[in-house]
Protein backbone atom coordinates (compact mmCIF):
# COMPACT_ATOMS: atom_id res chain seq x y z
CA MET A 1 -23.75 -87.57 -63.08
CA TRP A 2 -23.89 -84.83 -60.41
CA ALA A 3 -23.38 -87.41 -57.64
CA HIS A 4 -20.28 -88.78 -59.39
CA LEU A 5 -18.82 -85.29 -59.81
CA THR A 6 -19.52 -84.42 -56.18
CA GLY A 7 -17.90 -87.70 -55.08
CA LEU A 8 -14.83 -87.00 -57.22
CA VAL A 9 -14.43 -83.51 -55.73
CA LEU A 10 -14.79 -84.94 -52.21
CA ILE A 11 -12.17 -87.64 -52.89
CA CYS A 12 -9.75 -85.01 -54.23
CA ALA A 13 -10.29 -82.78 -51.20
CA LEU A 14 -9.76 -85.66 -48.78
CA SER A 15 -6.62 -86.71 -50.63
CA LEU A 16 -5.17 -83.21 -50.25
CA CYS A 17 -5.95 -83.22 -46.55
CA ALA A 18 -4.55 -86.71 -46.04
CA ALA A 19 -1.30 -85.78 -47.78
CA GLN A 20 -0.49 -83.09 -45.21
CA ARG A 21 0.85 -84.65 -42.01
CA ALA A 22 3.45 -82.33 -40.44
CA GLN A 23 5.05 -78.90 -40.76
CA THR A 24 7.86 -77.20 -38.90
CA GLY A 25 9.30 -73.72 -38.69
CA GLU A 26 11.19 -71.15 -36.67
CA ILE A 27 10.09 -67.97 -34.91
CA ASP A 28 12.67 -65.25 -34.21
CA CYS A 29 11.62 -63.18 -31.20
CA GLY A 30 14.70 -60.95 -31.21
CA SER A 31 15.77 -59.30 -27.95
CA ASP A 32 13.50 -58.50 -25.05
CA SER A 33 14.48 -54.83 -25.24
CA SER A 34 12.41 -54.67 -28.46
CA ARG A 35 9.40 -56.40 -26.86
CA PRO A 36 6.54 -54.24 -25.68
CA LYS A 37 5.83 -54.09 -21.96
CA VAL A 38 2.58 -55.84 -21.09
CA PRO A 39 0.49 -56.09 -17.93
CA SER A 40 1.69 -58.92 -15.72
CA ASP A 41 -0.44 -62.06 -15.51
CA ASN A 42 1.36 -62.94 -12.26
CA PRO A 43 1.42 -60.60 -9.22
CA ASN A 44 5.00 -61.69 -8.42
CA ARG A 45 6.33 -60.48 -11.78
CA ASP A 46 7.10 -56.90 -12.76
CA ASN A 47 8.52 -55.32 -15.91
CA THR A 48 6.88 -58.00 -18.08
CA ARG A 49 7.65 -57.97 -21.80
CA GLU A 50 6.04 -60.08 -24.52
CA ILE A 51 5.95 -60.30 -28.28
CA VAL A 52 3.37 -62.45 -30.05
CA LYS A 53 4.21 -63.92 -33.45
CA HIS A 54 1.72 -65.43 -35.87
CA VAL A 55 2.48 -68.31 -38.25
CA THR A 56 0.30 -69.33 -41.20
CA PHE A 57 0.41 -72.99 -42.17
CA SER A 58 0.92 -73.58 -45.87
CA PRO A 59 -1.03 -75.52 -46.81
CA GLN A 60 -3.42 -75.39 -43.92
CA PHE A 61 -4.34 -78.56 -42.02
CA CYS A 62 -7.72 -80.25 -42.35
CA ARG A 63 -8.22 -80.00 -38.59
CA GLU A 64 -6.39 -78.45 -35.65
CA PRO A 65 -2.90 -79.98 -35.38
CA LYS A 66 -1.00 -80.84 -32.22
CA VAL A 67 1.91 -78.41 -31.76
CA ILE A 68 5.22 -78.73 -29.95
CA LEU A 69 7.00 -75.46 -29.18
CA SER A 70 10.64 -75.38 -28.13
CA VAL A 71 13.27 -72.74 -27.37
CA THR A 72 16.20 -73.43 -29.70
CA THR A 73 18.25 -70.23 -29.31
CA LEU A 74 18.67 -68.27 -26.11
CA ASP A 75 21.34 -65.62 -25.61
CA ALA A 76 21.03 -63.90 -22.25
CA GLU A 77 22.96 -61.66 -19.87
CA HIS A 78 24.94 -64.00 -17.61
CA THR A 79 25.08 -61.63 -14.64
CA LYS A 80 21.30 -61.59 -14.12
CA ASN A 81 18.66 -64.20 -13.42
CA LEU A 82 17.30 -65.93 -16.49
CA ARG A 83 13.54 -65.35 -16.70
CA TYR A 84 11.69 -66.37 -19.87
CA GLU A 85 8.79 -68.40 -21.19
CA ALA A 86 7.81 -69.64 -24.62
CA ARG A 87 4.02 -69.59 -24.83
CA LEU A 88 1.74 -71.25 -27.34
CA LYS A 89 -1.17 -68.81 -27.46
CA SER A 90 -3.49 -70.41 -30.04
CA VAL A 91 -3.67 -73.12 -32.70
CA SER A 92 -6.08 -73.54 -35.60
CA PRO A 93 -6.02 -75.49 -38.88
CA SER A 94 -4.73 -72.34 -40.61
CA GLY A 95 -1.97 -71.31 -38.19
CA LEU A 96 -0.64 -70.69 -34.71
CA SER A 97 0.32 -67.83 -32.40
CA ALA A 98 3.25 -68.09 -30.02
CA SER A 99 5.00 -65.61 -27.79
CA CYS A 100 8.31 -64.94 -26.12
CA TYR A 101 7.79 -63.61 -22.61
CA SER A 102 10.28 -62.28 -20.05
CA TRP A 103 10.12 -60.30 -16.82
CA HIS A 104 11.91 -58.44 -14.06
CA ASP A 105 15.55 -57.47 -14.68
CA GLY A 106 16.58 -60.43 -16.84
CA THR A 107 18.04 -59.50 -20.22
CA ILE A 108 17.48 -61.65 -23.30
CA TYR A 109 19.61 -60.64 -26.27
CA ARG A 110 18.10 -63.17 -28.67
CA MET A 111 15.45 -65.84 -28.46
CA LYS A 112 14.26 -68.21 -31.18
CA LEU A 113 11.52 -70.82 -31.04
CA THR A 114 11.03 -73.87 -33.22
CA TRP A 115 7.58 -75.36 -33.70
CA LEU A 116 6.37 -78.71 -35.01
CA ALA A 117 2.72 -79.10 -36.03
CA VAL A 118 1.44 -82.63 -36.57
CA GLU A 119 -1.97 -83.48 -37.92
CA ASN A 120 -4.14 -84.87 -35.14
């Protein structure tokens, strides 16, 4: 009896995991004037600014998903060089961390990222 109950619980858990295949969402990074200054990870860059955003998958994946990160909104000062990066910092079955990063004298008024997480 115990073996049957354990098997039933395992089948239910696997079914829940198998049902979850992909999730998507948006991250609003705002303007770079609101981003904290951070130490540069490149000696050729000064005045580096970065904000890290965390996303929780709901429901979480059974294993670490593959993630695609894309910039979908970018409003910047047209009289200055455009300097920005979208960085995927970490991924786990329960969520991801991504950042919006800029440097030097570029001015970003608004930046949004879209992410797609697909079960591996």
